[in-house]
C-alpha cells in the first residue's frame, strides 16, 4: 500500500492477474469441469487417457 502525500489516503496496489490467468488456462485445457477425473487427486480432464495418466506414478 502506498500513501498519497497530499491527502494522506492509502492507495491500493494494482492487482496481479496470475491467479486469473492460471484459472483461464486450466479451464481452456479442460482441467476444470472436464468429463473425466483422476481417481487419485480428482483433477478433471477432457480426455479419459489424460485422466488415467495424471497420477500414474501414485498407482
C-alpha atoms as a PDB file:
ATOM      1  CA  UNK A   1       0.000   0.000   0.000  1.00  0.00           C
ATOM      2  CA  UNK A   2       1.149   3.482  -0.791  1.00  0.00           C
ATOM      3  CA  UNK A   3       0.168   6.696   0.941  1.00  0.00           C
ATOM      4  CA  UNK A   4      -0.926   9.605  -1.176  1.00  0.00           C
ATOM      5  CA  UNK A   5       1.118  12.565   0.088  1.00  0.00           C
ATOM      6  CA  UNK A   6      -1.348  15.435  -0.289  1.00  0.00           C
ATOM      7  CA  UNK A   7      -4.477  13.746   1.143  1.00  0.00           C
ATOM      8  CA  UNK A   8      -2.815  11.081   3.313  1.00  0.00           C
ATOM      9  CA  UNK A   9      -5.032   8.418   1.772  1.00  0.00           C
ATOM     10  CA  UNK A  10      -3.946   4.847   1.280  1.00  0.00           C
ATOM     11  CA  UNK A  11      -3.779   3.852  -2.376  1.00  0.00           C
ATOM     12  CA  UNK A  12      -4.261   0.187  -3.169  1.00  0.00           C
ATOM     13  CA  UNK A  13      -1.560  -1.640  -5.126  1.00  0.00           C
ATOM     14  CA  UNK A  14      -2.545  -2.912  -8.579  1.00  0.00           C
ATOM     15  CA  UNK A  15      -3.979  -6.411  -8.719  1.00  0.00           C
ATOM     16  CA  UNK A  16      -1.782  -9.090 -10.186  1.00  0.00           C
ATOM     17  CA  UNK A  17      -3.659 -11.382 -12.503  1.00  0.00           C
ATOM     18  CA  UNK A  18      -1.554 -14.538 -12.238  1.00  0.00           C
ATOM     19  CA  UNK A  19      -4.333 -16.461 -10.478  1.00  0.00           C
ATOM     20  CA  UNK A  20      -6.946 -15.428 -13.026  1.00  0.00           C
ATOM     21  CA  UNK A  21      -4.577 -16.271 -15.901  1.00  0.00           C
ATOM     22  CA  UNK A  22      -3.838 -19.731 -14.485  1.00  0.00           C
ATOM     23  CA  UNK A  23      -7.545 -20.330 -13.899  1.00  0.00           C
ATOM     24  CA  UNK A  24      -8.398 -19.444 -17.502  1.00  0.00           C
ATOM     25  CA  UNK A  25      -5.580 -21.703 -18.718  1.00  0.00           C
ATOM     26  CA  UNK A  26      -6.888 -24.614 -16.627  1.00  0.00           C
ATOM     27  CA  UNK A  27     -10.396 -24.109 -17.999  1.00  0.00           C
ATOM     28  CA  UNK A  28      -9.089 -23.995 -21.573  1.00  0.00           C
ATOM     29  CA  UNK A  29      -7.155 -27.239 -21.039  1.00  0.00           C
ATOM     30  CA  UNK A  30     -10.228 -28.929 -19.592  1.00  0.00           C
ATOM     31  CA  UNK A  31      -8.808 -29.384 -16.101  1.00  0.00           C
ATOM     32  CA  UNK A  32     -11.888 -27.696 -14.661  1.00  0.00           C
ATOM     33  CA  UNK A  33     -15.319 -29.150 -15.431  1.00  0.00           C
ATOM     34  CA  UNK A  34     -13.834 -31.840 -17.668  1.00  0.00           C
ATOM     35  CA  UNK A  35     -15.831 -35.017 -18.206  1.00  0.00           C
ATOM     36  CA  UNK A  36     -13.169 -37.411 -16.829  1.00  0.00           C
ATOM     37  CA  UNK A  37     -11.482 -37.140 -13.433  1.00  0.00           C
ATOM     38  CA  UNK A  38      -8.311 -38.638 -11.994  1.00  0.00           C
ATOM     39  CA  UNK A  39      -9.061 -41.396  -9.486  1.00  0.00           C
ATOM     40  CA  UNK A  40      -6.273 -40.254  -7.142  1.00  0.00           C
ATOM     41  CA  UNK A  41      -6.380 -36.444  -6.987  1.00  0.00           C
ATOM     42  CA  UNK A  42      -9.751 -35.711  -8.635  1.00  0.00           C
ATOM     43  CA  UNK A  43      -8.453 -33.276 -11.257  1.00  0.00           C
ATOM     44  CA  UNK A  44     -10.760 -33.150 -14.277  1.00  0.00           C
ATOM     45  CA  UNK A  45      -9.729 -33.698 -17.894  1.00  0.00           C
ATOM     46  CA  UNK A  46     -11.451 -33.706 -21.268  1.00  0.00           C
ATOM     47  CA  UNK A  47      -9.824 -36.969 -22.381  1.00  0.00           C
ATOM     48  CA  UNK A  48     -10.003 -40.247 -20.479  1.00  0.00           C
ATOM     49  CA  UNK A  49      -6.356 -41.063 -21.274  1.00  0.00           C
ATOM     50  CA  UNK A  50      -5.178 -37.798 -19.706  1.00  0.00           C
ATOM     51  CA  UNK A  51      -7.163 -38.512 -16.531  1.00  0.00           C
ATOM     52  CA  UNK A  52      -5.701 -42.010 -16.297  1.00  0.00           C
ATOM     53  CA  UNK A  53      -2.145 -40.710 -16.829  1.00  0.00           C
ATOM     54  CA  UNK A  54      -2.445 -37.903 -14.246  1.00  0.00           C
ATOM     55  CA  UNK A  55      -1.242 -39.725 -11.117  1.00  0.00           C
ATOM     56  CA  UNK A  56       0.017 -42.910 -12.758  1.00  0.00           C
ATOM     57  CA  UNK A  57       3.149 -42.914 -10.545  1.00  0.00           C
ATOM     58  CA  UNK A  58       0.992 -42.973  -7.403  1.00  0.00           C
ATOM     59  CA  UNK A  59      -0.922 -46.026  -8.593  1.00  0.00           C
END
